[in-house]
Amino acid sequence: MTCKAELRRPAEKFLRKAPRDVARRIDEKIKELRENPVCDKRLKGILKELCRTRVGPYRIAYRIKPCTIIIVDIGHREKFYDQLKLIR
Protein backbone atom coordinates (compact mmCIF):
# COMPACT_ATOMS: atom_id res chain seq x y z
CA MET A 1 0.00 0.00 0.00
CA THR A 2 1.33 3.42 -0.93
CA CYS A 3 0.99 6.18 1.62
CA LYS A 4 0.62 9.88 1.00
CA ALA A 5 3.59 12.25 1.43
CA GLU A 6 3.04 15.86 2.52
CA LEU A 7 5.88 18.37 2.18
CA ARG A 8 6.02 21.28 4.59
CA ARG A 9 7.13 24.67 3.31
CA PRO A 10 10.87 24.37 4.23
CA ALA A 11 11.08 21.01 2.43
CA GLU A 12 9.36 22.38 -0.69
CA LYS A 13 11.67 25.39 -0.69
CA PHE A 14 14.75 23.16 -0.45
CA LEU A 15 13.61 20.98 -3.36
CA ARG A 16 12.91 24.01 -5.56
CA LYS A 17 16.41 25.40 -4.97
CA ALA A 18 18.35 22.11 -4.97
CA PRO A 19 20.38 20.99 -7.98
CA ARG A 20 18.39 18.71 -10.27
CA ASP A 21 20.38 15.54 -9.46
CA VAL A 22 20.03 16.09 -5.70
CA ALA A 23 16.30 16.77 -6.00
CA ARG A 24 15.88 13.59 -8.06
CA ARG A 25 17.70 11.44 -5.46
CA ILE A 26 15.66 12.96 -2.62
CA ASP A 27 12.44 12.41 -4.58
CA GLU A 28 13.39 8.74 -5.03
CA LYS A 29 13.94 8.41 -1.27
CA ILE A 30 10.55 9.99 -0.55
CA LYS A 31 8.95 7.47 -2.94
CA GLU A 32 10.67 4.66 -1.01
CA LEU A 33 9.28 6.06 2.25
CA ARG A 34 5.80 6.17 0.72
CA GLU A 35 6.08 2.49 -0.21
CA ASN A 36 7.54 1.42 3.14
CA PRO A 37 6.92 4.06 5.86
CA VAL A 38 9.41 3.12 8.57
CA CYS A 39 11.51 5.26 10.85
CA ASP A 40 15.19 4.95 9.81
CA LYS A 41 16.44 6.73 12.90
CA ARG A 42 14.54 8.56 15.62
CA LEU A 43 15.93 11.99 16.56
CA LYS A 44 16.67 12.87 20.16
CA GLY A 45 15.87 15.65 22.60
CA ILE A 46 13.26 18.21 21.60
CA LEU A 47 13.11 16.62 18.13
CA LYS A 48 12.22 13.14 19.42
CA GLU A 49 8.88 13.01 17.54
CA LEU A 50 10.76 13.17 14.21
CA CYS A 51 12.57 10.53 12.19
CA ARG A 52 15.39 11.10 9.75
CA THR A 53 16.87 9.40 6.76
CA ARG A 54 20.00 10.08 4.72
CA VAL A 55 20.50 10.78 1.04
CA GLY A 56 24.26 11.26 0.65
CA PRO A 57 25.20 14.38 2.65
CA TYR A 58 21.54 15.46 2.88
CA ARG A 59 19.01 14.66 5.59
CA ILE A 60 15.24 14.36 5.43
CA ALA A 61 13.31 14.91 8.67
CA TYR A 62 9.83 13.43 8.70
CA ARG A 63 6.94 12.41 10.90
CA ILE A 64 4.90 9.25 10.30
CA LYS A 65 1.14 9.38 10.76
CA PRO A 66 -1.32 6.63 9.77
CA CYS A 67 -0.61 6.21 6.03
CA THR A 68 0.83 9.73 5.77
CA ILE A 69 4.44 10.83 5.83
CA ILE A 70 4.95 14.50 6.69
CA ILE A 71 8.30 15.75 5.35
CA VAL A 72 9.19 18.50 7.80
CA ASP A 73 12.52 19.64 6.36
CA ILE A 74 15.36 18.67 4.03
CA GLY A 75 18.89 20.02 4.24
CA HIS A 76 22.62 19.47 4.17
CA ARG A 77 23.86 17.68 7.29
CA GLU A 78 26.23 20.54 8.12
CA LYS A 79 23.45 22.93 9.22
CA PHE A 80 20.47 20.61 9.23
CA TYR A 81 19.95 19.95 12.94
CA ASP A 82 20.41 23.60 14.00
CA GLN A 83 17.98 24.67 11.29
CA LEU A 84 15.51 21.95 12.31
CA LYS A 85 15.43 23.12 15.93
CA LEU A 86 14.35 26.58 14.72
CA ILE A 87 11.37 25.38 12.65
CA ARG A 88 10.28 22.62 15.04
C-alpha atoms as a PDB file:
ATOM      1  CA  MET A   1       0.000   0.000   0.000  1.00  0.00           C
ATOM      2  CA  THR A   2       1.332   3.424  -0.932  1.00  0.00           C
ATOM      3  CA  CYS A   3       0.986   6.178   1.624  1.00  0.00           C
ATOM      4  CA  LYS A   4       0.621   9.883   0.998  1.00  0.00           C
ATOM      5  CA  ALA A   5       3.589  12.253   1.429  1.00  0.00           C
ATOM      6  CA  GLU A   6       3.041  15.864   2.520  1.00  0.00           C
ATOM      7  CA  LEU A   7       5.882  18.372   2.180  1.00  0.00           C
ATOM      8  CA  ARG A   8       6.021  21.278   4.586  1.00  0.00           C
ATOM      9  CA  ARG A   9       7.132  24.673   3.310  1.00  0.00           C
ATOM     10  CA  PRO A  10      10.869  24.366   4.228  1.00  0.00           C
ATOM     11  CA  ALA A  11      11.080  21.009   2.427  1.00  0.00           C
ATOM     12  CA  GLU A  12       9.362  22.377  -0.686  1.00  0.00           C
ATOM     13  CA  LYS A  13      11.674  25.387  -0.688  1.00  0.00           C
ATOM     14  CA  PHE A  14      14.753  23.163  -0.455  1.00  0.00           C
ATOM     15  CA  LEU A  15      13.606  20.978  -3.358  1.00  0.00           C
ATOM     16  CA  ARG A  16      12.909  24.014  -5.556  1.00  0.00           C
ATOM     17  CA  LYS A  17      16.407  25.400  -4.973  1.00  0.00           C
ATOM     18  CA  ALA A  18      18.345  22.105  -4.971  1.00  0.00           C
ATOM     19  CA  PRO A  19      20.376  20.987  -7.979  1.00  0.00           C
ATOM     20  CA  ARG A  20      18.394  18.709 -10.272  1.00  0.00           C
ATOM     21  CA  ASP A  21      20.377  15.541  -9.458  1.00  0.00           C
ATOM     22  CA  VAL A  22      20.033  16.092  -5.704  1.00  0.00           C
ATOM     23  CA  ALA A  23      16.300  16.774  -5.995  1.00  0.00           C
ATOM     24  CA  ARG A  24      15.876  13.591  -8.056  1.00  0.00           C
ATOM     25  CA  ARG A  25      17.700  11.444  -5.460  1.00  0.00           C
ATOM     26  CA  ILE A  26      15.662  12.963  -2.621  1.00  0.00           C
ATOM     27  CA  ASP A  27      12.443  12.409  -4.577  1.00  0.00           C
ATOM     28  CA  GLU A  28      13.387   8.739  -5.030  1.00  0.00           C
ATOM     29  CA  LYS A  29      13.940   8.409  -1.266  1.00  0.00           C
ATOM     30  CA  ILE A  30      10.546   9.994  -0.554  1.00  0.00           C
ATOM     31  CA  LYS A  31       8.951   7.473  -2.944  1.00  0.00           C
ATOM     32  CA  GLU A  32      10.673   4.658  -1.012  1.00  0.00           C
ATOM     33  CA  LEU A  33       9.279   6.058   2.252  1.00  0.00           C
ATOM     34  CA  ARG A  34       5.795   6.170   0.721  1.00  0.00           C
ATOM     35  CA  GLU A  35       6.080   2.488  -0.211  1.00  0.00           C
ATOM     36  CA  ASN A  36       7.536   1.421   3.136  1.00  0.00           C
ATOM     37  CA  PRO A  37       6.918   4.057   5.858  1.00  0.00           C
ATOM     38  CA  VAL A  38       9.415   3.119   8.565  1.00  0.00           C
ATOM     39  CA  CYS A  39      11.514   5.262  10.845  1.00  0.00           C
ATOM     40  CA  ASP A  40      15.190   4.955   9.811  1.00  0.00           C
ATOM     41  CA  LYS A  41      16.441   6.734  12.901  1.00  0.00           C
ATOM     42  CA  ARG A  42      14.541   8.565  15.621  1.00  0.00           C
ATOM     43  CA  LEU A  43      15.928  11.988  16.556  1.00  0.00           C
ATOM     44  CA  LYS A  44      16.673  12.871  20.163  1.00  0.00           C
ATOM     45  CA  GLY A  45      15.870  15.649  22.596  1.00  0.00           C
ATOM     46  CA  ILE A  46      13.258  18.209  21.601  1.00  0.00           C
ATOM     47  CA  LEU A  47      13.105  16.620  18.132  1.00  0.00           C
ATOM     48  CA  LYS A  48      12.216  13.140  19.416  1.00  0.00           C
ATOM     49  CA  GLU A  49       8.882  13.010  17.545  1.00  0.00           C
ATOM     50  CA  LEU A  50      10.755  13.172  14.212  1.00  0.00           C
ATOM     51  CA  CYS A  51      12.566  10.533  12.186  1.00  0.00           C
ATOM     52  CA  ARG A  52      15.389  11.104   9.750  1.00  0.00           C
ATOM     53  CA  THR A  53      16.873   9.404   6.759  1.00  0.00           C
ATOM     54  CA  ARG A  54      19.997  10.075   4.718  1.00  0.00           C
ATOM     55  CA  VAL A  55      20.505  10.784   1.036  1.00  0.00           C
ATOM     56  CA  GLY A  56      24.259  11.257   0.654  1.00  0.00           C
ATOM     57  CA  PRO A  57      25.205  14.378   2.649  1.00  0.00           C
ATOM     58  CA  TYR A  58      21.538  15.464   2.880  1.00  0.00           C
ATOM     59  CA  ARG A  59      19.012  14.656   5.586  1.00  0.00           C
ATOM     60  CA  ILE A  60      15.243  14.359   5.433  1.00  0.00           C
ATOM     61  CA  ALA A  61      13.310  14.913   8.665  1.00  0.00           C
ATOM     62  CA  TYR A  62       9.832  13.429   8.697  1.00  0.00           C
ATOM     63  CA  ARG A  63       6.938  12.407  10.903  1.00  0.00           C
ATOM     64  CA  ILE A  64       4.905   9.255  10.304  1.00  0.00           C
ATOM     65  CA  LYS A  65       1.143   9.384  10.759  1.00  0.00           C
ATOM     66  CA  PRO A  66      -1.322   6.627   9.766  1.00  0.00           C
ATOM     67  CA  CYS A  67      -0.606   6.212   6.030  1.00  0.00           C
ATOM     68  CA  THR A  68       0.829   9.732   5.767  1.00  0.00           C
ATOM     69  CA  ILE A  69       4.445  10.834   5.834  1.00  0.00           C
ATOM     70  CA  ILE A  70       4.947  14.496   6.685  1.00  0.00           C
ATOM     71  CA  ILE A  71       8.297  15.749   5.349  1.00  0.00           C
ATOM     72  CA  VAL A  72       9.194  18.504   7.800  1.00  0.00           C
ATOM     73  CA  ASP A  73      12.524  19.643   6.361  1.00  0.00           C
ATOM     74  CA  ILE A  74      15.356  18.667   4.029  1.00  0.00           C
ATOM     75  CA  GLY A  75      18.893  20.018   4.239  1.00  0.00           C
ATOM     76  CA  HIS A  76      22.624  19.467   4.172  1.00  0.00           C
ATOM     77  CA  ARG A  77      23.862  17.679   7.292  1.00  0.00           C
ATOM     78  CA  GLU A  78      26.234  20.543   8.123  1.00  0.00           C
ATOM     79  CA  LYS A  79      23.452  22.932   9.222  1.00  0.00           C
ATOM     80  CA  PHE A  80      20.467  20.606   9.227  1.00  0.00           C
ATOM     81  CA  TYR A  81      19.951  19.953  12.943  1.00  0.00           C
ATOM     82  CA  ASP A  82      20.413  23.596  14.001  1.00  0.00           C
ATOM     83  CA  GLN A  83      17.981  24.667  11.290  1.00  0.00           C
ATOM     84  CA  LEU A  84      15.514  21.949  12.306  1.00  0.00           C
ATOM     85  CA  LYS A  85      15.425  23.119  15.926  1.00  0.00           C
ATOM     86  CA  LEU A  86      14.348  26.578  14.722  1.00  0.00           C
ATOM     87  CA  ILE A  87      11.367  25.381  12.653  1.00  0.00           C
ATOM     88  CA  ARG A  88      10.283  22.618  15.038  1.00  0.00           C
END
